[in-house]
N, C-alpha and C. Protein backbone atom coordinates (compact mmCIF):
# COMPACT_ATOMS: atom_id res chain seq x y z
N UNK A 1 168.62 21.75 69.23
CA UNK A 1 167.68 21.69 70.33
C UNK A 1 168.19 22.60 71.46
N UNK A 2 167.28 23.43 72.02
CA UNK A 2 167.63 24.36 73.08
C UNK A 2 167.39 23.70 74.43
N UNK A 3 168.29 23.92 75.36
CA UNK A 3 168.14 23.35 76.71
C UNK A 3 168.11 24.48 77.73
N UNK A 4 167.45 24.22 78.81
CA UNK A 4 167.35 25.19 79.90
C UNK A 4 168.26 24.69 81.03
N UNK A 5 169.09 25.59 81.54
CA UNK A 5 170.00 25.18 82.61
C UNK A 5 169.24 24.80 83.88
N UNK A 6 168.30 25.61 84.29
CA UNK A 6 167.50 25.32 85.46
C UNK A 6 166.06 25.73 85.17
N UNK A 7 165.12 24.82 85.33
CA UNK A 7 163.73 25.18 85.04
C UNK A 7 163.12 26.11 86.08
N UNK A 8 163.81 26.37 87.20
CA UNK A 8 163.25 27.18 88.28
C UNK A 8 163.79 28.61 88.29
N UNK A 9 164.63 28.97 87.35
CA UNK A 9 165.17 30.32 87.25
C UNK A 9 164.43 31.04 86.14
N UNK A 10 163.71 32.11 86.50
CA UNK A 10 162.97 32.87 85.52
C UNK A 10 163.62 34.24 85.38
N UNK A 11 163.95 34.65 84.17
CA UNK A 11 164.53 35.98 84.02
C UNK A 11 163.47 37.05 84.26
N UNK A 12 163.77 38.00 85.16
CA UNK A 12 162.82 39.05 85.51
C UNK A 12 162.88 40.22 84.54
N UNK A 13 163.96 40.38 83.89
CA UNK A 13 164.09 41.50 82.98
C UNK A 13 165.08 42.51 83.51
N UNK A 14 165.20 43.63 82.84
CA UNK A 14 166.15 44.65 83.28
C UNK A 14 165.71 45.30 84.59
N UNK A 15 166.67 45.92 85.27
CA UNK A 15 166.42 46.52 86.57
C UNK A 15 165.36 47.62 86.52
N UNK A 16 165.36 48.42 85.46
CA UNK A 16 164.39 49.52 85.36
C UNK A 16 162.97 48.98 85.26
N UNK A 17 162.80 47.82 84.65
CA UNK A 17 161.47 47.22 84.53
C UNK A 17 160.98 46.72 85.89
N UNK A 18 161.90 46.14 86.66
CA UNK A 18 161.55 45.67 88.00
C UNK A 18 161.15 46.84 88.89
N UNK A 19 161.92 47.95 88.82
CA UNK A 19 161.59 49.15 89.60
C UNK A 19 160.24 49.73 89.20
N UNK A 20 159.95 49.68 87.91
CA UNK A 20 158.67 50.21 87.42
C UNK A 20 157.50 49.37 87.96
N UNK A 21 157.67 48.05 88.00
CA UNK A 21 156.64 47.17 88.54
C UNK A 21 156.44 47.42 90.04
N UNK A 22 157.55 47.60 90.76
CA UNK A 22 157.45 47.87 92.19
C UNK A 22 156.71 49.19 92.45
N UNK A 23 157.03 50.21 91.66
CA UNK A 23 156.38 51.50 91.84
C UNK A 23 154.89 51.42 91.53
N UNK A 24 154.55 50.64 90.52
CA UNK A 24 153.14 50.47 90.15
C UNK A 24 152.38 49.78 91.28
N UNK A 25 152.99 48.73 91.88
CA UNK A 25 152.36 48.04 93.01
C UNK A 25 152.22 48.97 94.21
N UNK A 26 153.25 49.79 94.46
CA UNK A 26 153.23 50.73 95.58
C UNK A 26 152.13 51.77 95.40
N UNK A 27 151.98 52.29 94.16
CA UNK A 27 150.93 53.28 93.88
C UNK A 27 149.54 52.67 94.04
N UNK A 28 149.39 51.43 93.61
CA UNK A 28 148.10 50.75 93.72
C UNK A 28 147.74 50.53 95.20
N UNK A 29 148.73 50.14 96.00
CA UNK A 29 148.50 49.93 97.42
C UNK A 29 148.20 51.25 98.13
N UNK A 30 148.88 52.33 97.74
CA UNK A 30 148.63 53.64 98.34
C UNK A 30 147.22 54.11 98.04
N UNK A 31 146.75 53.86 96.82
CA UNK A 31 145.38 54.24 96.46
C UNK A 31 144.37 53.43 97.26
N UNK A 32 144.67 52.16 97.50
CA UNK A 32 143.77 51.29 98.25
C UNK A 32 143.71 51.71 99.73
N UNK A 33 144.88 52.05 100.30
CA UNK A 33 144.93 52.41 101.72
C UNK A 33 144.51 53.85 101.98
N UNK A 34 144.65 54.70 100.98
CA UNK A 34 144.30 56.10 101.15
C UNK A 34 145.37 56.91 101.84
N UNK A 35 146.59 56.41 101.84
CA UNK A 35 147.72 57.11 102.44
C UNK A 35 148.98 56.71 101.68
N UNK A 36 150.03 57.50 101.76
CA UNK A 36 151.26 57.13 101.05
C UNK A 36 151.92 55.91 101.69
N UNK A 37 152.55 55.10 100.86
CA UNK A 37 153.24 53.91 101.33
C UNK A 37 154.74 54.18 101.27
N UNK A 38 155.45 53.90 102.36
CA UNK A 38 156.89 54.16 102.42
C UNK A 38 157.69 53.13 101.64
N UNK A 39 158.98 53.38 101.58
CA UNK A 39 159.87 52.49 100.85
C UNK A 39 160.03 51.14 101.54
N UNK A 40 160.19 51.16 102.86
CA UNK A 40 160.51 49.93 103.56
C UNK A 40 159.41 49.53 104.54
N UNK A 41 158.23 49.98 104.34
CA UNK A 41 157.15 49.60 105.25
C UNK A 41 157.32 50.32 106.57
N UNK A 42 156.96 49.68 107.65
CA UNK A 42 157.14 50.28 108.97
C UNK A 42 156.07 49.83 109.93
N UNK A 43 156.21 50.26 111.14
CA UNK A 43 155.29 49.88 112.20
C UNK A 43 154.12 50.87 112.24
N UNK A 44 152.93 50.34 112.24
CA UNK A 44 151.76 51.20 112.38
C UNK A 44 151.68 51.71 113.81
N UNK A 45 151.16 52.89 113.97
CA UNK A 45 150.98 53.46 115.29
C UNK A 45 149.91 52.66 116.02
N UNK A 46 150.23 52.18 117.20
CA UNK A 46 149.29 51.40 117.99
C UNK A 46 149.22 49.94 117.61
N UNK A 47 150.11 49.48 116.71
CA UNK A 47 150.08 48.08 116.30
C UNK A 47 150.73 47.21 117.37
N UNK A 48 150.31 45.98 117.44
CA UNK A 48 150.90 45.03 118.37
C UNK A 48 150.13 44.95 119.67
N UNK A 49 150.53 44.00 120.47
CA UNK A 49 149.87 43.79 121.76
C UNK A 49 150.33 44.85 122.75
N UNK A 50 149.40 45.49 123.45
CA UNK A 50 149.82 46.51 124.42
C UNK A 50 150.56 45.87 125.58
N UNK A 51 151.53 46.59 126.09
CA UNK A 51 152.30 46.08 127.21
C UNK A 51 151.48 46.16 128.48
N UNK A 52 151.61 45.15 129.29
CA UNK A 52 150.93 45.14 130.57
C UNK A 52 151.84 45.81 131.60
N UNK A 53 151.28 46.71 132.36
CA UNK A 53 152.05 47.40 133.39
C UNK A 53 151.84 46.67 134.71
N UNK A 54 152.83 45.90 135.08
CA UNK A 54 152.75 45.16 136.33
C UNK A 54 153.74 45.76 137.31
N UNK A 55 153.31 45.97 138.53
CA UNK A 55 154.24 46.51 139.53
C UNK A 55 155.29 45.46 139.88
N UNK A 56 156.48 45.94 140.15
CA UNK A 56 157.54 45.02 140.54
C UNK A 56 157.34 44.61 141.99
N UNK A 57 157.58 43.36 142.26
CA UNK A 57 157.43 42.86 143.62
C UNK A 57 158.79 42.40 144.13
N UNK A 58 159.01 42.62 145.39
CA UNK A 58 160.25 42.23 146.04
C UNK A 58 159.92 41.46 147.30
N UNK A 59 160.87 40.64 147.70
CA UNK A 59 160.69 39.86 148.92
C UNK A 59 161.79 40.26 149.89
N UNK A 60 161.39 40.66 151.07
CA UNK A 60 162.34 41.04 152.11
C UNK A 60 162.28 40.04 153.26
N UNK A 61 163.44 39.72 153.77
CA UNK A 61 163.50 38.89 154.97
C UNK A 61 163.95 39.80 156.10
N UNK A 62 163.04 40.06 157.00
CA UNK A 62 163.30 41.00 158.09
C UNK A 62 163.44 40.24 159.41
N UNK A 63 164.35 40.72 160.24
CA UNK A 63 164.38 40.18 161.60
C UNK A 63 163.46 41.03 162.46
N UNK A 64 163.34 40.69 163.72
CA UNK A 64 162.37 41.37 164.59
C UNK A 64 162.70 42.85 164.80
N UNK A 65 163.98 43.19 164.92
CA UNK A 65 164.37 44.58 165.14
C UNK A 65 164.01 45.42 163.91
N UNK A 66 164.31 44.89 162.72
CA UNK A 66 163.97 45.61 161.48
C UNK A 66 162.46 45.78 161.35
N UNK A 67 161.72 44.73 161.67
CA UNK A 67 160.26 44.80 161.58
C UNK A 67 159.71 45.88 162.53
N UNK A 68 160.22 45.93 163.73
CA UNK A 68 159.75 46.94 164.69
C UNK A 68 160.10 48.35 164.23
N UNK A 69 161.30 48.53 163.67
CA UNK A 69 161.68 49.85 163.17
C UNK A 69 160.79 50.30 162.02
N UNK A 70 160.47 49.39 161.11
CA UNK A 70 159.61 49.73 159.98
C UNK A 70 158.18 50.02 160.44
N UNK A 71 157.69 49.26 161.42
CA UNK A 71 156.36 49.53 161.96
C UNK A 71 156.33 50.89 162.65
N UNK A 72 157.43 51.24 163.30
CA UNK A 72 157.51 52.54 163.96
C UNK A 72 157.49 53.68 162.93
N UNK A 73 158.22 53.51 161.83
CA UNK A 73 158.23 54.52 160.77
C UNK A 73 156.86 54.67 160.12
N UNK A 74 156.16 53.55 159.94
CA UNK A 74 154.88 53.57 159.23
C UNK A 74 153.68 53.62 160.13
N UNK A 75 153.88 53.96 161.40
CA UNK A 75 152.77 54.04 162.38
C UNK A 75 151.98 52.73 162.43
N UNK A 76 152.69 51.61 162.51
CA UNK A 76 152.04 50.31 162.62
C UNK A 76 151.90 49.57 161.31
N UNK A 77 152.23 50.20 160.20
CA UNK A 77 152.10 49.56 158.90
C UNK A 77 153.50 49.39 158.30
N UNK A 78 153.89 48.14 158.06
CA UNK A 78 155.24 47.87 157.54
C UNK A 78 155.40 48.43 156.12
N UNK A 79 154.37 48.33 155.30
CA UNK A 79 154.43 48.81 153.91
C UNK A 79 154.68 50.32 153.87
N UNK A 80 153.96 51.05 154.71
CA UNK A 80 154.18 52.51 154.77
C UNK A 80 155.56 52.84 155.32
N UNK A 81 156.05 52.03 156.25
CA UNK A 81 157.38 52.24 156.79
C UNK A 81 158.45 52.05 155.72
N UNK A 82 158.29 51.02 154.89
CA UNK A 82 159.24 50.79 153.79
C UNK A 82 159.18 51.95 152.80
N UNK A 83 157.98 52.42 152.48
CA UNK A 83 157.84 53.54 151.55
C UNK A 83 158.48 54.80 152.10
N UNK A 84 158.29 55.09 153.39
CA UNK A 84 158.92 56.26 153.99
C UNK A 84 160.44 56.15 153.99
N UNK A 85 160.96 54.95 154.24
CA UNK A 85 162.39 54.73 154.23
C UNK A 85 162.96 54.94 152.82
N UNK A 86 162.27 54.45 151.81
CA UNK A 86 162.70 54.66 150.41
C UNK A 86 162.67 56.12 150.06
N UNK A 87 161.59 56.82 150.42
CA UNK A 87 161.48 58.25 150.11
C UNK A 87 162.56 59.06 150.81
N UNK A 88 162.94 58.63 152.01
CA UNK A 88 163.93 59.37 152.77
C UNK A 88 165.33 59.27 152.15
N UNK A 89 165.67 58.13 151.60
CA UNK A 89 167.04 57.91 151.10
C UNK A 89 167.16 57.94 149.57
N UNK A 90 166.08 58.15 148.89
CA UNK A 90 166.18 58.18 147.41
C UNK A 90 165.94 59.57 146.90
């Protein structure tokens, strides 16, 4: 009487047969897609969720002297004063 060591192990065959099956599947998929299929797959161009471009925000704690200086640089606008200060030193 013949016994099986493990019923969940199936012999696939020699390595050349496995490679031949893989190549056949790859050729079939290439014909279906209409383009060549690579060895290890890859990322499609434009695949995935697009990144959202969010501006970085910062919080500044200014005292009265700093606030007045920035308003002076920006002609009354603190945001423009900060931008001018950044442009001047960067």
